[in-house]
């Protein structure tokens, strides 16, 4: 082999090695714990906006609260994995006293971050944290996880959670974060109630944002179904939505 060919081959190997090394380093520099820093005593206060659709096409007034999520202690799951207990306190205004109204369990298993809400478990984050990486975030959910709403479709099955805007700055009201990630969970539209004769329409939207060193700082979830165009039957909606926006943390 000529000297020129040897040098060229060596150059290619160096470039390949550098690319592989850089890719590995990128994976290693963003562990899930960067975006879910679980530690007893840490808390985040959110503004909570919630609503439900009422019968006959009306929607009630959006109700606004403040909620405080606090890492209250440690727990173990059935397989012996270490996790944390999160308590939620709620108040109508800052002038009101906090009152505990719910609790959750979270487990950072290095490759997945799992959040349990009223026996519904979500894989909120998964490794590696990189643009466009996706995973089945609702794979633990049962069919029809919200039976009290009597939804027509099993709208939460087979969701692909996907990372977007990785390591981007984020502003929420008076709060600013230098580094955040977005998890787009669902953005589906079926039909349009504004079109005359529409018999069925559905809207599902779910997104979460996490700030490095803080945790979940924004969540927007919405699902509704519309039924209409049936002779003798009043057109109607059913569904619910919640929005969490961080306003303070320690």
Protein backbone atom coordinates (compact mmCIF):
# COMPACT_ATOMS: atom_id res chain seq x y z
CA UNK A 1 0.00 0.00 0.00
CA UNK A 2 1.35 3.48 -0.92
CA UNK A 3 2.12 6.06 1.70
CA UNK A 4 -0.73 8.28 0.42
CA UNK A 5 -3.29 5.46 0.75
CA UNK A 6 -2.09 4.66 4.27
CA UNK A 7 -2.46 8.29 5.32
CA UNK A 8 -5.92 8.52 3.75
CA UNK A 9 -7.09 5.34 5.50
CA UNK A 10 -5.72 6.60 8.81
CA UNK A 11 -7.58 9.88 8.33
CA UNK A 12 -10.88 8.08 7.74
CA UNK A 13 -10.40 5.96 10.86
CA UNK A 14 -9.67 9.06 12.95
CA UNK A 15 -12.84 10.77 11.67
CA UNK A 16 -14.98 7.69 12.38
CA UNK A 17 -13.50 7.32 15.86
CA UNK A 18 -14.09 11.00 16.62
CA UNK A 19 -17.71 10.82 15.41
CA UNK A 20 -18.45 7.71 17.49
CA UNK A 21 -16.77 9.23 20.53
CA UNK A 22 -18.74 12.48 20.15
CA UNK A 23 -22.03 10.58 19.78
CA UNK A 24 -21.32 8.50 22.90
CA UNK A 25 -20.39 11.60 24.87
CA UNK A 26 -23.63 13.32 23.85
CA UNK A 27 -25.63 10.36 25.17
CA UNK A 28 -23.70 10.32 28.42
CA UNK A 29 -23.98 14.05 29.13
CA UNK A 30 -27.77 14.04 29.53
CA UNK A 31 -28.86 11.44 32.12
CA UNK A 32 -32.55 11.48 33.02
CA UNK A 33 -31.63 12.72 36.51
CA UNK A 34 -30.59 16.04 34.94
CA UNK A 35 -34.24 16.74 34.15
CA UNK A 36 -35.86 14.98 37.13
CA UNK A 37 -33.62 15.86 40.09
CA UNK A 38 -35.45 13.84 42.73
CA UNK A 39 -34.46 14.72 46.27
CA UNK A 40 -36.53 14.76 49.46
CA UNK A 41 -37.62 18.30 50.20
CA UNK A 42 -37.59 19.63 46.64
CA UNK A 43 -40.83 21.18 45.40
CA UNK A 44 -42.37 22.92 42.40
CA UNK A 45 -45.44 25.19 42.60
CA UNK A 46 -47.66 25.36 39.53
CA UNK A 47 -50.66 27.25 38.32
CA UNK A 48 -53.23 24.58 37.47
CA UNK A 49 -55.93 25.36 34.92
CA UNK A 50 -58.54 22.64 34.48
CA UNK A 51 -61.85 22.24 32.70
CA UNK A 52 -64.35 19.61 31.64
CA UNK A 53 -66.82 19.61 28.78
CA UNK A 54 -70.41 19.47 29.92
CA UNK A 55 -73.38 17.93 28.04
CA UNK A 56 -75.11 19.73 25.16
CA UNK A 57 -72.07 21.41 23.69
CA UNK A 58 -71.12 23.63 26.63
CA UNK A 59 -67.86 23.88 28.53
CA UNK A 60 -67.69 25.01 32.12
CA UNK A 61 -65.56 27.95 33.20
CA UNK A 62 -61.89 27.05 33.46
CA UNK A 63 -61.00 26.59 37.13
CA UNK A 64 -57.62 27.87 38.30
CA UNK A 65 -55.73 26.68 41.37
CA UNK A 66 -52.21 26.61 42.71
CA UNK A 67 -50.71 23.18 43.35
CA UNK A 68 -47.45 22.27 45.07
CA UNK A 69 -45.65 19.01 44.25
CA UNK A 70 -43.17 18.06 46.99
CA UNK A 71 -40.76 15.13 47.15
CA UNK A 72 -41.94 13.86 50.53
CA UNK A 73 -40.03 10.59 51.01
CA UNK A 74 -38.70 7.39 49.50
CA UNK A 75 -40.59 4.26 48.40
CA UNK A 76 -39.99 0.92 46.68
CA UNK A 77 -42.03 -0.69 43.94
CA UNK A 78 -43.07 -4.35 43.82
CA UNK A 79 -39.77 -5.31 42.20
CA UNK A 80 -37.70 -3.54 44.85
CA UNK A 81 -36.73 -0.50 42.77
CA UNK A 82 -36.06 2.67 44.77
CA UNK A 83 -38.35 5.62 44.11
CA UNK A 84 -39.86 8.71 45.64
CA UNK A 85 -43.24 9.69 47.06
CA UNK A 86 -44.61 12.97 45.71
CA UNK A 87 -47.38 14.76 47.61
CA UNK A 88 -49.64 17.32 45.97
CA UNK A 89 -51.06 20.23 47.94
CA UNK A 90 -53.68 22.56 46.53
CA UNK A 91 -55.08 26.02 47.27
CA UNK A 92 -57.37 28.40 45.43
CA UNK A 93 -55.28 31.54 45.99
CA UNK A 94 -52.00 32.41 47.80
CA UNK A 95 -54.17 33.70 50.66
CA UNK A 96 -55.53 30.19 51.29
CA UNK A 97 -53.78 27.46 53.27
CA UNK A 98 -52.30 24.46 51.46
CA UNK A 99 -54.19 21.18 51.76
CA UNK A 100 -52.90 17.77 50.63
CA UNK A 101 -55.23 16.25 48.03
CA UNK A 102 -53.20 13.54 46.28
CA UNK A 103 -49.92 11.64 46.14
CA UNK A 104 -47.86 9.97 43.41
CA UNK A 105 -44.87 7.70 43.03
CA UNK A 106 -41.93 8.23 40.70
CA UNK A 107 -39.06 5.94 39.77
CA UNK A 108 -35.91 6.92 37.89
CA UNK A 109 -34.64 3.60 36.49
CA UNK A 110 -31.76 5.24 34.59
CA UNK A 111 -33.15 4.26 31.18
CA UNK A 112 -36.74 5.29 32.01
CA UNK A 113 -38.47 7.73 34.33
CA UNK A 114 -41.84 6.34 35.42
CA UNK A 115 -44.65 8.34 37.01
CA UNK A 116 -47.65 6.67 38.70
CA UNK A 117 -50.87 8.68 39.01
CA UNK A 118 -53.84 6.92 40.64
CA UNK A 119 -52.58 3.49 39.53
CA UNK A 120 -51.91 4.73 36.01
CA UNK A 121 -48.20 4.45 35.14
CA UNK A 122 -46.58 6.60 32.46
CA UNK A 123 -43.04 6.35 31.06
CA UNK A 124 -42.53 10.10 31.06
CA UNK A 125 -38.87 10.12 29.97
CA UNK A 126 -36.57 7.58 28.35
CA UNK A 127 -32.88 7.42 27.46
CA UNK A 128 -31.14 8.61 25.41
CA UNK A 129 -32.25 12.23 25.53
CA UNK A 130 -31.74 13.36 21.95
CA UNK A 131 -33.76 15.07 19.25
CA UNK A 132 -36.53 12.90 17.73
CA UNK A 133 -35.89 9.87 19.97
CA UNK A 134 -39.26 8.21 20.68
CA UNK A 135 -40.74 5.52 22.94
CA UNK A 136 -44.13 4.07 23.89
CA UNK A 137 -44.92 6.23 26.90
CA UNK A 138 -48.36 4.75 27.62
CA UNK A 139 -47.42 1.09 27.29
CA UNK A 140 -48.35 0.33 30.92
CA UNK A 141 -51.83 1.84 30.69
CA UNK A 142 -54.94 -0.36 30.64
CA UNK A 143 -57.58 -0.07 27.94
CA UNK A 144 -59.92 2.87 28.58
CA UNK A 145 -57.98 4.37 31.53
CA UNK A 146 -60.71 6.99 32.21
CA UNK A 147 -63.92 4.91 32.31
CA UNK A 148 -66.02 7.58 34.04
CA UNK A 149 -65.96 9.69 30.85
CA UNK A 150 -67.28 6.85 28.66
CA UNK A 151 -65.11 7.87 25.73
CA UNK A 152 -65.92 6.26 22.39
CA UNK A 153 -62.30 5.48 21.50
CA UNK A 154 -59.36 4.05 23.42
CA UNK A 155 -57.59 7.32 22.73
CA UNK A 156 -54.51 6.76 24.93
CA UNK A 157 -53.23 3.54 23.37
CA UNK A 158 -50.02 3.28 21.33
CA UNK A 159 -48.75 6.83 21.87
CA UNK A 160 -45.25 7.66 20.61
CA UNK A 161 -43.58 10.12 22.97
CA UNK A 162 -40.88 12.09 21.13
CA UNK A 163 -38.17 14.54 22.19
CA UNK A 164 -38.12 17.96 20.52
CA UNK A 165 -36.25 21.19 21.31
CA UNK A 166 -33.58 19.34 23.28
CA UNK A 167 -31.30 21.57 25.40
CA UNK A 168 -33.18 24.72 24.42
CA UNK A 169 -33.88 27.79 26.62
CA UNK A 170 -37.43 28.20 27.87
CA UNK A 171 -39.43 31.09 29.35
CA UNK A 172 -42.62 30.60 31.37
CA UNK A 173 -44.04 33.83 32.73
CA UNK A 174 -41.43 35.28 35.07
CA UNK A 175 -39.33 32.09 35.04
CA UNK A 176 -36.51 31.46 32.59
CA UNK A 177 -34.54 28.24 32.10
CA UNK A 178 -31.27 27.94 30.19
CA UNK A 179 -31.77 24.29 29.26
CA UNK A 180 -35.01 22.40 28.70
CA UNK A 181 -36.45 19.47 26.75
CA UNK A 182 -39.91 19.04 25.27
CA UNK A 183 -41.77 15.74 25.10
CA UNK A 184 -44.53 15.80 22.49
CA UNK A 185 -46.84 12.95 23.44
CA UNK A 186 -49.81 13.38 21.08
CA UNK A 187 -51.27 15.87 18.61
CA UNK A 188 -54.28 14.35 16.82
CA UNK A 189 -57.33 15.91 15.17
CA UNK A 190 -60.22 13.93 13.68
CA UNK A 191 -63.16 15.73 12.09
CA UNK A 192 -64.34 19.32 12.62
CA UNK A 193 -67.47 20.22 14.61
CA UNK A 194 -67.63 23.53 12.73
CA UNK A 195 -68.48 21.68 9.51
CA UNK A 196 -72.25 21.09 9.21
CA UNK A 197 -73.21 17.44 9.23
CA UNK A 198 -70.17 16.27 11.19
CA UNK A 199 -71.24 13.14 13.06
CA UNK A 200 -68.08 12.67 15.14
CA UNK A 201 -64.94 14.66 15.89
CA UNK A 202 -62.07 14.18 18.30
CA UNK A 203 -59.11 16.21 19.54
CA UNK A 204 -56.15 14.90 21.58
CA UNK A 205 -53.15 16.98 22.55
CA UNK A 206 -50.51 16.27 25.18
CA UNK A 207 -47.10 17.85 25.77
CA UNK A 208 -44.64 18.18 28.66
CA UNK A 209 -41.55 20.34 29.19
CA UNK A 210 -38.72 19.64 31.63
CA UNK A 211 -36.05 22.11 32.77
CA UNK A 212 -32.56 20.91 33.62
CA UNK A 213 -31.96 20.91 37.36
CA UNK A 214 -35.65 21.60 38.09
CA UNK A 215 -38.01 18.96 36.67
CA UNK A 216 -41.41 19.17 34.99
CA UNK A 217 -42.19 22.85 34.44
CA UNK A 218 -45.05 22.69 31.93
CA UNK A 219 -47.79 20.23 30.98
CA UNK A 220 -50.75 20.63 28.64
CA UNK A 221 -53.24 17.80 28.19
CA UNK A 222 -56.53 17.94 26.28
CA UNK A 223 -58.98 15.36 25.02
CA UNK A 224 -62.53 15.85 23.81
CA UNK A 225 -65.04 14.03 21.65
CA UNK A 226 -67.92 15.57 19.72
CA UNK A 227 -71.07 13.80 18.62
CA UNK A 228 -73.60 15.49 16.38
CA UNK A 229 -75.65 15.36 13.21
CA UNK A 230 -78.04 12.82 14.73
CA UNK A 231 -81.73 13.59 14.16
CA UNK A 232 -83.46 14.37 17.45
CA UNK A 233 -80.20 14.33 19.44
CA UNK A 234 -78.54 17.48 20.76
CA UNK A 235 -74.97 17.89 19.54
CA UNK A 236 -72.60 17.48 22.45
CA UNK A 237 -69.01 17.36 23.68
CA UNK A 238 -67.36 15.32 26.41
CA UNK A 239 -63.79 15.50 27.61
CA UNK A 240 -61.37 17.28 29.91
CA UNK A 241 -58.10 19.16 29.97
CA UNK A 242 -55.45 20.35 32.40
CA UNK A 243 -52.55 22.76 32.13
CA UNK A 244 -49.68 23.00 34.63
CA UNK A 245 -47.31 25.98 34.50
CA UNK A 246 -44.47 26.27 36.99
CA UNK A 247 -44.45 29.54 38.95
CA UNK A 248 -41.91 28.77 41.75
CA UNK A 249 -39.48 26.06 42.87
CA UNK A 250 -36.59 25.44 45.25
